[in-house]
Amino acid sequence: MSKFNPLWEYIKNNKNSDFQLSFDQIQKITGLPIDHSFLTYKKELKNYGFEVEKISLKNKTVSFKKLEE
C-alpha cells in the first residue's frame, strides 16, 4: 500500500470523468504534502482506472484523466 492510496481510493469512488485537483486538495485527502515521490507513485493510479494527465507546478494542480475501458 502506498502513501497515496487514500487519493487513489478517493478518485476511484468519486470521479466519473476527467478532472483536476489542487495540491492543497490532495494534501487534505492524503494528509501529506505532494512531493517529488508523487512522480513515482502516480503509475499506481492506472489500477484505479485513471492516469495523471498533467502536473502544473505554476498553478499547483494535477489533472487526472479517466482511462478508456
C-alpha atoms as a PDB file:
ATOM      1  CA  MET A   1       0.000   0.000   0.000  1.00  0.00           C
ATOM      2  CA  SER A   2       1.392   3.382  -0.976  1.00  0.00           C
ATOM      3  CA  LYS A   3       1.155   6.673   0.855  1.00  0.00           C
ATOM      4  CA  PHE A   4      -1.118   7.956  -1.922  1.00  0.00           C
ATOM      5  CA  ASN A   5      -3.639   5.119  -1.550  1.00  0.00           C
ATOM      6  CA  PRO A   6      -6.242   7.442   0.076  1.00  0.00           C
ATOM      7  CA  LEU A   7      -6.042   9.654  -3.032  1.00  0.00           C
ATOM      8  CA  TRP A   8      -6.419   6.730  -5.431  1.00  0.00           C
ATOM      9  CA  GLU A   9      -9.468   5.484  -3.485  1.00  0.00           C
ATOM     10  CA  TYR A  10     -10.960   8.993  -3.450  1.00  0.00           C
ATOM     11  CA  ILE A  11     -10.548   9.270  -7.219  1.00  0.00           C
ATOM     12  CA  LYS A  12     -11.958   5.803  -7.889  1.00  0.00           C
ATOM     13  CA  ASN A  13     -15.002   6.353  -5.669  1.00  0.00           C
ATOM     14  CA  ASN A  14     -15.834   9.961  -6.502  1.00  0.00           C
ATOM     15  CA  LYS A  15     -14.903  10.702 -10.097  1.00  0.00           C
ATOM     16  CA  ASN A  16     -16.513   9.562 -13.340  1.00  0.00           C
ATOM     17  CA  SER A  17     -14.565  11.664 -15.828  1.00  0.00           C
ATOM     18  CA  ASP A  18     -11.502  13.868 -16.280  1.00  0.00           C
ATOM     19  CA  PHE A  19     -10.921  16.422 -13.520  1.00  0.00           C
ATOM     20  CA  GLN A  20      -8.335  18.476 -11.656  1.00  0.00           C
ATOM     21  CA  LEU A  21      -7.273  18.729  -8.001  1.00  0.00           C
ATOM     22  CA  SER A  22      -5.086  21.364  -6.386  1.00  0.00           C
ATOM     23  CA  PHE A  23      -2.017  20.425  -4.364  1.00  0.00           C
ATOM     24  CA  ASP A  24      -3.931  21.637  -1.270  1.00  0.00           C
ATOM     25  CA  GLN A  25      -6.891  19.353  -2.032  1.00  0.00           C
ATOM     26  CA  ILE A  26      -4.528  16.395  -2.467  1.00  0.00           C
ATOM     27  CA  GLN A  27      -2.890  17.196   0.853  1.00  0.00           C
ATOM     28  CA  LYS A  28      -6.300  17.278   2.586  1.00  0.00           C
ATOM     29  CA  ILE A  29      -7.207  13.873   1.112  1.00  0.00           C
ATOM     30  CA  THR A  30      -3.885  12.154   1.858  1.00  0.00           C
ATOM     31  CA  GLY A  31      -2.752  14.059   4.921  1.00  0.00           C
ATOM     32  CA  LEU A  32       0.591  14.558   3.157  1.00  0.00           C
ATOM     33  CA  PRO A  33       2.021  17.360   1.034  1.00  0.00           C
ATOM     34  CA  ILE A  34       2.581  16.455  -2.600  1.00  0.00           C
ATOM     35  CA  ASP A  35       6.293  15.941  -3.286  1.00  0.00           C
ATOM     36  CA  HIS A  36       8.641  14.541  -5.918  1.00  0.00           C
ATOM     37  CA  SER A  37       7.742  10.962  -4.905  1.00  0.00           C
ATOM     38  CA  PHE A  38       4.323  11.556  -6.485  1.00  0.00           C
ATOM     39  CA  LEU A  39       6.031  11.094  -9.847  1.00  0.00           C
ATOM     40  CA  THR A  40       6.944   7.533  -8.854  1.00  0.00           C
ATOM     41  CA  TYR A  41       3.625   6.660  -7.241  1.00  0.00           C
ATOM     42  CA  LYS A  42       1.382   8.102  -9.975  1.00  0.00           C
ATOM     43  CA  LYS A  43       1.737   4.915 -12.047  1.00  0.00           C
ATOM     44  CA  GLU A  44      -0.363   3.095  -9.405  1.00  0.00           C
ATOM     45  CA  LEU A  45      -3.381   5.168 -10.424  1.00  0.00           C
ATOM     46  CA  LYS A  46      -3.857   3.089 -13.591  1.00  0.00           C
ATOM     47  CA  ASN A  47      -5.066   0.251 -11.341  1.00  0.00           C
ATOM     48  CA  TYR A  48      -7.960   2.550 -10.365  1.00  0.00           C
ATOM     49  CA  GLY A  49      -8.994   3.478 -13.914  1.00  0.00           C
ATOM     50  CA  PHE A  50      -7.276   6.870 -14.149  1.00  0.00           C
ATOM     51  CA  GLU A  51      -3.941   8.390 -15.102  1.00  0.00           C
ATOM     52  CA  VAL A  52      -2.185  11.656 -14.350  1.00  0.00           C
ATOM     53  CA  GLU A  53      -2.535  13.785 -17.435  1.00  0.00           C
ATOM     54  CA  LYS A  54      -0.651  16.914 -16.324  1.00  0.00           C
ATOM     55  CA  ILE A  55       1.088  18.312 -13.267  1.00  0.00           C
ATOM     56  CA  SER A  56       1.227  22.117 -13.198  1.00  0.00           C
ATOM     57  CA  LEU A  57       3.812  23.466 -10.779  1.00  0.00           C
ATOM     58  CA  LYS A  58       2.822  27.023 -11.728  1.00  0.00           C
ATOM     59  CA  ASN A  59      -0.870  26.531 -10.873  1.00  0.00           C
ATOM     60  CA  LYS A  60      -0.182  23.854  -8.233  1.00  0.00           C
ATOM     61  CA  THR A  61      -2.698  21.450  -9.774  1.00  0.00           C
ATOM     62  CA  VAL A  62      -2.806  17.878 -11.016  1.00  0.00           C
ATOM     63  CA  SER A  63      -5.084  16.922 -13.918  1.00  0.00           C
ATOM     64  CA  PHE A  64      -6.445  13.386 -13.982  1.00  0.00           C
ATOM     65  CA  LYS A  65      -7.815  11.524 -16.988  1.00  0.00           C
ATOM     66  CA  LYS A  66     -10.197   8.566 -16.917  1.00  0.00           C
ATOM     67  CA  LEU A  67      -8.865   5.606 -18.892  1.00  0.00           C
ATOM     68  CA  GLU A  68     -10.927   4.016 -21.630  1.00  0.00           C
ATOM     69  CA  GLU A  69     -12.321   0.645 -20.646  1.00  0.00           C
END
